[in-house]
Amino acid sequence: MSRLLVSSVLIASFCAAGAMAQPGAASINNEPHHKRLLYTNDLRFWDVTLPPGQATQPFVHDYDVATVVIGDGTLAVQRNGEALTPPAPNARGSVIVAEHTGAPATYRIENNGTTEYRAFEIENMHEGNWPAAAPFTAPGSSVLKESRAFTVYDVALKAGAPEITHNHTGATIVVLIDGALQQAGIGGTDPVRIQQLGQWLSLPRFQPHAVSAVGAGDAHAIEIEVR
């Protein structure tokens, strides 16, 4: 868990209030390093990949967004044309939450490191009136971050332990960080197993699910619940 502190400066900077998005910046839909994986009434889900030495073009975030880092990189980040911090490495499994609904901002991200940067960005597509948080408690699960638009859980599952059942009240993306995880079948479907860094599962609102570590080792996942 201590690795999550590496990006604390970036987290604070991403959440800071700022000016409106810069004119001429690209829509996130047209930024070539962003690949859209999922689009529903509740969320948009992006895979962001940035090889060493490359940068995004300036693009706009106009919805609240939670970013889960799954591939290392040393990022130089500009927000509305101003550098946020000196270039800094990103820890796998760290989460950045930023509020942009009603206050869009322009970003440019450059990878100054020697390894590929990769992250998932989950946007909350609701325009406001987010419901109050109703976090669940379950063995191995803890609230990592809360904002007006998200509840983010850190899920640590021990090898050989019984499966853990919990109920998300909002649409949820489950991202595997380490190990292998199995989700029990839902509504008569077969169980689903994810076992590679960056594999993910999607859950609709009010969907209970049961997860367990599979294989010889523990499993670690981040669950991002969209309010």
C-alpha atoms as a PDB file:
ATOM      1  CA  MET A   1       0.000   0.000   0.000  1.00  0.00           C
ATOM      2  CA  SER A   2       2.922   2.362   0.589  1.00  0.00           C
ATOM      3  CA  ARG A   3       3.431   2.514  -3.189  1.00  0.00           C
ATOM      4  CA  LEU A   4       0.188   4.439  -3.436  1.00  0.00           C
ATOM      5  CA  LEU A   5       1.840   7.433  -1.770  1.00  0.00           C
ATOM      6  CA  VAL A   6       4.289   7.951  -4.633  1.00  0.00           C
ATOM      7  CA  SER A   7       1.746   9.920  -6.629  1.00  0.00           C
ATOM      8  CA  SER A   8       0.419  12.014  -3.745  1.00  0.00           C
ATOM      9  CA  VAL A   9       1.672  15.277  -5.201  1.00  0.00           C
ATOM     10  CA  LEU A  10       0.077  14.532  -8.560  1.00  0.00           C
ATOM     11  CA  ILE A  11      -3.166  13.561  -6.874  1.00  0.00           C
ATOM     12  CA  ALA A  12      -3.405  16.881  -5.076  1.00  0.00           C
ATOM     13  CA  SER A  13      -2.539  18.792  -8.233  1.00  0.00           C
ATOM     14  CA  PHE A  14      -5.076  16.978 -10.416  1.00  0.00           C
ATOM     15  CA  CYS A  15      -7.815  17.884  -7.961  1.00  0.00           C
ATOM     16  CA  ALA A  16      -6.890  21.526  -7.626  1.00  0.00           C
ATOM     17  CA  ALA A  17      -9.297  24.087  -9.028  1.00  0.00           C
ATOM     18  CA  GLY A  18      -8.194  25.934 -12.137  1.00  0.00           C
ATOM     19  CA  ALA A  19      -9.161  27.914 -15.177  1.00  0.00           C
ATOM     20  CA  MET A  20     -11.481  26.642 -17.867  1.00  0.00           C
ATOM     21  CA  ALA A  21     -10.202  24.403 -20.649  1.00  0.00           C
ATOM     22  CA  GLN A  22      -7.963  26.082 -23.190  1.00  0.00           C
ATOM     23  CA  PRO A  23      -9.411  26.952 -26.603  1.00  0.00           C
ATOM     24  CA  GLY A  24      -8.315  24.615 -29.385  1.00  0.00           C
ATOM     25  CA  ALA A  25      -7.715  21.588 -27.183  1.00  0.00           C
ATOM     26  CA  ALA A  26      -8.869  18.254 -28.570  1.00  0.00           C
ATOM     27  CA  SER A  27     -11.831  16.326 -27.289  1.00  0.00           C
ATOM     28  CA  ILE A  28     -10.718  13.265 -25.365  1.00  0.00           C
ATOM     29  CA  ASN A  29     -12.538  11.288 -28.093  1.00  0.00           C
ATOM     30  CA  ASN A  30      -9.956  12.489 -30.627  1.00  0.00           C
ATOM     31  CA  GLU A  31      -6.783  12.128 -28.543  1.00  0.00           C
ATOM     32  CA  PRO A  32      -4.932   9.187 -30.162  1.00  0.00           C
ATOM     33  CA  HIS A  33      -3.382   7.801 -26.973  1.00  0.00           C
ATOM     34  CA  HIS A  34      -6.858   7.311 -25.455  1.00  0.00           C
ATOM     35  CA  LYS A  35      -8.644   4.124 -26.524  1.00  0.00           C
ATOM     36  CA  ARG A  36     -12.262   3.888 -25.436  1.00  0.00           C
ATOM     37  CA  LEU A  37     -13.102   0.500 -23.940  1.00  0.00           C
ATOM     38  CA  LEU A  38     -16.647   1.064 -22.685  1.00  0.00           C
ATOM     39  CA  TYR A  39     -19.372   3.729 -22.883  1.00  0.00           C
ATOM     40  CA  THR A  40     -22.611   3.502 -20.892  1.00  0.00           C
ATOM     41  CA  ASN A  41     -25.107   5.928 -19.371  1.00  0.00           C
ATOM     42  CA  ASP A  42     -23.025   5.843 -16.189  1.00  0.00           C
ATOM     43  CA  LEU A  43     -19.422   5.927 -17.349  1.00  0.00           C
ATOM     44  CA  ARG A  44     -16.801   6.128 -20.060  1.00  0.00           C
ATOM     45  CA  PHE A  45     -13.771   3.902 -19.709  1.00  0.00           C
ATOM     46  CA  TRP A  46     -10.444   4.689 -21.417  1.00  0.00           C
ATOM     47  CA  ASP A  47      -7.163   2.820 -21.863  1.00  0.00           C
ATOM     48  CA  VAL A  48      -4.340   5.386 -21.952  1.00  0.00           C
ATOM     49  CA  THR A  49      -0.976   4.171 -23.301  1.00  0.00           C
ATOM     50  CA  LEU A  50       2.031   6.451 -23.671  1.00  0.00           C
ATOM     51  CA  PRO A  51       5.371   4.982 -24.850  1.00  0.00           C
ATOM     52  CA  PRO A  52       8.650   6.511 -23.628  1.00  0.00           C
ATOM     53  CA  GLY A  53       9.362   9.881 -25.201  1.00  0.00           C
ATOM     54  CA  GLN A  54       5.817  10.445 -26.426  1.00  0.00           C
ATOM     55  CA  ALA A  55       3.219  12.989 -25.323  1.00  0.00           C
ATOM     56  CA  THR A  56      -0.488  13.436 -25.729  1.00  0.00           C
ATOM     57  CA  GLN A  57      -1.804  16.398 -27.615  1.00  0.00           C
ATOM     58  CA  PRO A  58      -3.672  18.849 -25.369  1.00  0.00           C
ATOM     59  CA  PHE A  59      -7.057  17.313 -24.569  1.00  0.00           C
ATOM     60  CA  VAL A  60     -10.014  18.193 -22.369  1.00  0.00           C
ATOM     61  CA  HIS A  61     -11.335  16.431 -19.296  1.00  0.00           C
ATOM     62  CA  ASP A  62     -14.909  17.656 -18.802  1.00  0.00           C
ATOM     63  CA  TYR A  63     -16.238  14.988 -16.433  1.00  0.00           C
ATOM     64  CA  ASP A  64     -15.060  13.817 -13.031  1.00  0.00           C
ATOM     65  CA  VAL A  65     -12.437  11.139 -13.631  1.00  0.00           C
ATOM     66  CA  ALA A  66     -10.667   8.412 -11.669  1.00  0.00           C
ATOM     67  CA  THR A  67      -7.322   7.229 -13.034  1.00  0.00           C
ATOM     68  CA  VAL A  68      -5.803   3.860 -12.110  1.00  0.00           C
ATOM     69  CA  VAL A  69      -2.104   3.498 -12.976  1.00  0.00           C
ATOM     70  CA  ILE A  70      -1.163   0.041 -14.255  1.00  0.00           C
ATOM     71  CA  GLY A  71       2.088   0.722 -16.129  1.00  0.00           C
ATOM     72  CA  ASP A  72       5.055   2.700 -14.878  1.00  0.00           C
ATOM     73  CA  GLY A  73       6.243   5.865 -16.550  1.00  0.00           C
ATOM     74  CA  THR A  74       7.794   9.178 -15.561  1.00  0.00           C
ATOM     75  CA  LEU A  75       5.211  11.813 -16.389  1.00  0.00           C
ATOM     76  CA  ALA A  76       5.428  15.526 -16.975  1.00  0.00           C
ATOM     77  CA  VAL A  77       1.848  16.794 -16.666  1.00  0.00           C
ATOM     78  CA  GLN A  78       0.531  20.164 -17.788  1.00  0.00           C
ATOM     79  CA  ARG A  79      -2.864  21.450 -16.721  1.00  0.00           C
ATOM     80  CA  ASN A  80      -4.245  24.425 -18.633  1.00  0.00           C
ATOM     81  CA  GLY A  81      -0.755  25.048 -19.993  1.00  0.00           C
ATOM     82  CA  GLU A  82       1.043  25.057 -16.659  1.00  0.00           C
ATOM     83  CA  ALA A  83       3.289  22.302 -15.321  1.00  0.00           C
ATOM     84  CA  LEU A  84       1.823  20.651 -12.235  1.00  0.00           C
ATOM     85  CA  THR A  85       4.986  19.180 -10.730  1.00  0.00           C
ATOM     86  CA  PRO A  86       8.441  18.138 -11.878  1.00  0.00           C
ATOM     87  CA  PRO A  87       8.370  14.863 -13.828  1.00  0.00           C
ATOM     88  CA  ALA A  88       7.626  12.030 -11.409  1.00  0.00           C
ATOM     89  CA  PRO A  89       7.333   8.232 -11.579  1.00  0.00           C
ATOM     90  CA  ASN A  90       3.918   6.644 -11.155  1.00  0.00           C
ATOM     91  CA  ALA A  91       3.347   3.671  -8.890  1.00  0.00           C
ATOM     92  CA  ARG A  92       1.371   0.739 -10.226  1.00  0.00           C
ATOM     93  CA  GLY A  93      -1.976   0.604  -8.418  1.00  0.00           C
ATOM     94  CA  SER A  94      -2.038   4.285  -7.485  1.00  0.00           C
ATOM     95  CA  VAL A  95      -5.316   6.127  -8.058  1.00  0.00           C
ATOM     96  CA  ILE A  96      -5.847   9.776  -9.001  1.00  0.00           C
ATOM     97  CA  VAL A  97      -9.311  11.356  -8.711  1.00  0.00           C
ATOM     98  CA  ALA A  98     -10.074  14.747 -10.275  1.00  0.00           C
ATOM     99  CA  GLU A  99     -13.265  16.812 -10.441  1.00  0.00           C
ATOM    100  CA  HIS A 100     -14.023  18.383 -13.815  1.00  0.00           C
ATOM    101  CA  THR A 101     -17.807  18.269 -14.237  1.00  0.00           C
ATOM    102  CA  GLY A 102     -18.759  21.932 -14.554  1.00  0.00           C
ATOM    103  CA  ALA A 103     -15.083  22.967 -14.606  1.00  0.00           C
ATOM    104  CA  PRO A 104     -13.321  21.370 -17.608  1.00  0.00           C
ATOM    105  CA  ALA A 105      -9.544  21.506 -17.863  1.00  0.00           C
ATOM    106  CA  THR A 106      -6.965  20.920 -20.573  1.00  0.00           C
ATOM    107  CA  TYR A 107      -4.201  18.373 -20.003  1.00  0.00           C
ATOM    108  CA  ARG A 108      -1.007  17.423 -21.806  1.00  0.00           C
ATOM    109  CA  ILE A 109       0.906  14.378 -20.548  1.00  0.00           C
ATOM    110  CA  GLU A 110       4.465  13.495 -21.592  1.00  0.00           C
ATOM    111  CA  ASN A 111       6.313  10.299 -20.694  1.00  0.00           C
ATOM    112  CA  ASN A 112       9.908  11.266 -19.899  1.00  0.00           C
ATOM    113  CA  GLY A 113      10.817   7.812 -18.580  1.00  0.00           C
ATOM    114  CA  THR A 114      12.236   4.693 -20.182  1.00  0.00           C
ATOM    115  CA  THR A 115       9.205   2.445 -19.665  1.00  0.00           C
ATOM    116  CA  GLU A 116       5.700   2.618 -21.106  1.00  0.00           C
ATOM    117  CA  TYR A 117       3.076   4.489 -19.103  1.00  0.00           C
ATOM    118  CA  ARG A 118      -0.358   2.902 -19.036  1.00  0.00           C
ATOM    119  CA  ALA A 119      -3.469   3.808 -17.076  1.00  0.00           C
ATOM    120  CA  PHE A 120      -7.218   3.400 -17.102  1.00  0.00           C
ATOM    121  CA  GLU A 121      -9.411   6.502 -16.879  1.00  0.00           C
ATOM    122  CA  ILE A 122     -12.996   6.077 -15.693  1.00  0.00           C
ATOM    123  CA  GLU A 123     -15.271   9.084 -16.224  1.00  0.00           C
ATOM    124  CA  ASN A 124     -18.525   9.569 -14.323  1.00  0.00           C
ATOM    125  CA  MET A 125     -20.991  10.671 -17.006  1.00  0.00           C
ATOM    126  CA  HIS A 126     -23.546  12.118 -14.586  1.00  0.00           C
ATOM    127  CA  GLU A 127     -23.825  15.890 -14.681  1.00  0.00           C
ATOM    128  CA  GLY A 128     -24.342  16.280 -10.922  1.00  0.00           C
ATOM    129  CA  ASN A 129     -26.708  15.315  -8.123  1.00  0.00           C
ATOM    130  CA  TRP A 130     -24.421  12.470  -7.163  1.00  0.00           C
ATOM    131  CA  PRO A 131     -25.947  10.246  -4.463  1.00  0.00           C
ATOM    132  CA  ALA A 132     -24.454  10.125  -1.000  1.00  0.00           C
ATOM    133  CA  ALA A 133     -21.777   7.506  -0.469  1.00  0.00           C
ATOM    134  CA  ALA A 134     -22.837   4.162   0.928  1.00  0.00           C
ATOM    135  CA  PRO A 135     -19.554   2.243   1.257  1.00  0.00           C
ATOM    136  CA  PHE A 136     -19.745  -1.466   1.972  1.00  0.00           C
ATOM    137  CA  THR A 137     -17.519  -3.413   4.337  1.00  0.00           C
ATOM    138  CA  ALA A 138     -16.154  -6.843   3.420  1.00  0.00           C
ATOM    139  CA  PRO A 139     -13.073  -8.858   4.404  1.00  0.00           C
ATOM    140  CA  GLY A 140     -10.051  -7.749   2.411  1.00  0.00           C
ATOM    141  CA  SER A 141     -11.780  -4.627   1.050  1.00  0.00           C
ATOM    142  CA  SER A 142     -11.164  -1.071   2.181  1.00  0.00           C
ATOM    143  CA  VAL A 143     -12.107   2.380   0.906  1.00  0.00           C
ATOM    144  CA  LEU A 144      -9.062   3.841  -0.804  1.00  0.00           C
ATOM    145  CA  LYS A 145     -10.599   7.136  -1.951  1.00  0.00           C
ATOM    146  CA  GLU A 146     -13.938   8.907  -1.906  1.00  0.00           C
ATOM    147  CA  SER A 147     -15.109  11.883  -3.926  1.00  0.00           C
ATOM    148  CA  ARG A 148     -18.451  13.329  -4.966  1.00  0.00           C
ATOM    149  CA  ALA A 149     -18.475  11.028  -8.022  1.00  0.00           C
ATOM    150  CA  PHE A 150     -16.572   7.888  -6.975  1.00  0.00           C
ATOM    151  CA  THR A 151     -15.908   5.415  -4.221  1.00  0.00           C
ATOM    152  CA  VAL A 152     -12.647   3.567  -4.859  1.00  0.00           C
ATOM    153  CA  TYR A 153     -11.913   0.299  -3.060  1.00  0.00           C
ATOM    154  CA  ASP A 154      -8.638  -1.506  -2.551  1.00  0.00           C
ATOM    155  CA  VAL A 155      -9.298  -5.268  -2.606  1.00  0.00           C
ATOM    156  CA  ALA A 156      -6.638  -7.637  -1.208  1.00  0.00           C
ATOM    157  CA  LEU A 157      -7.613 -11.303  -1.419  1.00  0.00           C
ATOM    158  CA  LYS A 158      -5.634 -14.030   0.324  1.00  0.00           C
ATOM    159  CA  ALA A 159      -4.813 -17.265  -1.479  1.00  0.00           C
ATOM    160  CA  GLY A 160      -7.103 -20.073  -0.360  1.00  0.00           C
ATOM    161  CA  ALA A 161      -9.527 -17.786   1.498  1.00  0.00           C
ATOM    162  CA  PRO A 162     -13.296 -18.155   0.901  1.00  0.00           C
ATOM    163  CA  GLU A 163     -14.826 -15.972  -1.778  1.00  0.00           C
ATOM    164  CA  ILE A 164     -15.997 -12.541  -0.663  1.00  0.00           C
ATOM    165  CA  THR A 165     -19.438 -11.238  -1.625  1.00  0.00           C
ATOM    166  CA  HIS A 166     -20.364  -7.565  -1.705  1.00  0.00           C
ATOM    167  CA  ASN A 167     -22.880  -5.302  -3.410  1.00  0.00           C
ATOM    168  CA  HIS A 168     -21.993  -2.183  -5.381  1.00  0.00           C
ATOM    169  CA  THR A 169     -24.742   0.431  -5.568  1.00  0.00           C
ATOM    170  CA  GLY A 170     -23.115   2.147  -8.564  1.00  0.00           C
ATOM    171  CA  ALA A 171     -21.694   0.878 -11.838  1.00  0.00           C
ATOM    172  CA  THR A 172     -18.228  -0.497 -11.117  1.00  0.00           C
ATOM    173  CA  ILE A 173     -15.002  -1.271 -12.947  1.00  0.00           C
ATOM    174  CA  VAL A 174     -12.742  -3.918 -11.372  1.00  0.00           C
ATOM    175  CA  VAL A 175      -9.050  -3.657 -12.392  1.00  0.00           C
ATOM    176  CA  LEU A 176      -6.568  -6.416 -11.593  1.00  0.00           C
ATOM    177  CA  ILE A 177      -3.250  -5.159 -10.203  1.00  0.00           C
ATOM    178  CA  ASP A 178      -1.573  -8.387  -9.098  1.00  0.00           C
ATOM    179  CA  GLY A 179      -2.235 -12.138  -8.907  1.00  0.00           C
ATOM    180  CA  ALA A 180      -5.320 -13.831 -10.319  1.00  0.00           C
ATOM    181  CA  LEU A 181      -8.945 -13.184  -9.399  1.00  0.00           C
ATOM    182  CA  GLN A 182     -12.138 -15.095 -10.104  1.00  0.00           C
ATOM    183  CA  GLN A 183     -15.628 -13.646 -10.098  1.00  0.00           C
ATOM    184  CA  ALA A 184     -18.373 -16.164  -9.410  1.00  0.00           C
ATOM    185  CA  GLY A 185     -21.050 -16.596 -12.045  1.00  0.00           C
ATOM    186  CA  ILE A 186     -23.797 -13.957 -12.047  1.00  0.00           C
ATOM    187  CA  GLY A 187     -27.357 -14.910 -12.975  1.00  0.00           C
ATOM    188  CA  GLY A 188     -26.395 -18.379 -14.094  1.00  0.00           C
ATOM    189  CA  THR A 189     -23.350 -17.336 -16.113  1.00  0.00           C
ATOM    190  CA  ASP A 190     -19.996 -19.072 -15.849  1.00  0.00           C
ATOM    191  CA  PRO A 191     -17.331 -17.726 -13.475  1.00  0.00           C
ATOM    192  CA  VAL A 192     -14.918 -15.203 -14.989  1.00  0.00           C
ATOM    193  CA  ARG A 193     -11.194 -15.281 -14.242  1.00  0.00           C
ATOM    194  CA  ILE A 194      -8.729 -12.446 -14.803  1.00  0.00           C
ATOM    195  CA  GLN A 195      -5.040 -13.155 -14.310  1.00  0.00           C
ATOM    196  CA  GLN A 196      -2.989 -10.545 -16.117  1.00  0.00           C
ATOM    197  CA  LEU A 197      -2.131  -7.025 -14.996  1.00  0.00           C
ATOM    198  CA  GLY A 198      -4.673  -4.613 -16.435  1.00  0.00           C
ATOM    199  CA  GLN A 199      -7.447  -7.096 -17.122  1.00  0.00           C
ATOM    200  CA  TRP A 200     -10.784  -5.753 -15.960  1.00  0.00           C
ATOM    201  CA  LEU A 201     -14.432  -6.539 -15.282  1.00  0.00           C
ATOM    202  CA  SER A 202     -17.529  -4.337 -15.547  1.00  0.00           C
ATOM    203  CA  LEU A 203     -20.501  -4.501 -13.170  1.00  0.00           C
ATOM    204  CA  PRO A 204     -23.860  -2.698 -13.537  1.00  0.00           C
ATOM    205  CA  ARG A 205     -25.485  -0.789 -10.700  1.00  0.00           C
ATOM    206  CA  PHE A 206     -26.858  -2.749  -7.736  1.00  0.00           C
ATOM    207  CA  GLN A 207     -24.990  -5.878  -8.777  1.00  0.00           C
ATOM    208  CA  PRO A 208     -23.749  -8.139  -5.976  1.00  0.00           C
ATOM    209  CA  HIS A 209     -20.679 -10.121  -6.904  1.00  0.00           C
ATOM    210  CA  ALA A 210     -18.400 -12.669  -5.269  1.00  0.00           C
ATOM    211  CA  VAL A 211     -14.632 -12.696  -5.821  1.00  0.00           C
ATOM    212  CA  SER A 212     -11.752 -14.867  -4.682  1.00  0.00           C
ATOM    213  CA  ALA A 213      -8.038 -15.275  -5.300  1.00  0.00           C
ATOM    214  CA  VAL A 214      -7.173 -18.226  -7.504  1.00  0.00           C
ATOM    215  CA  GLY A 215      -3.866 -19.976  -7.944  1.00  0.00           C
ATOM    216  CA  ALA A 216      -1.020 -20.142  -5.459  1.00  0.00           C
ATOM    217  CA  GLY A 217      -0.738 -16.446  -4.642  1.00  0.00           C
ATOM    218  CA  ASP A 218      -2.750 -13.554  -3.274  1.00  0.00           C
ATOM    219  CA  ALA A 219      -4.725 -11.231  -5.560  1.00  0.00           C
ATOM    220  CA  HIS A 220      -4.920  -7.427  -5.563  1.00  0.00           C
ATOM    221  CA  ALA A 221      -7.538  -5.373  -7.395  1.00  0.00           C
ATOM    222  CA  ILE A 222      -8.893  -1.837  -7.477  1.00  0.00           C
ATOM    223  CA  GLU A 223     -12.675  -1.385  -7.749  1.00  0.00           C
ATOM    224  CA  ILE A 224     -13.939   1.987  -8.968  1.00  0.00           C
ATOM    225  CA  GLU A 225     -17.616   2.542  -8.187  1.00  0.00           C
ATOM    226  CA  VAL A 226     -19.343   5.332 -10.116  1.00  0.00           C
ATOM    227  CA  ARG A 227     -22.020   7.169  -8.105  1.00  0.00           C
END
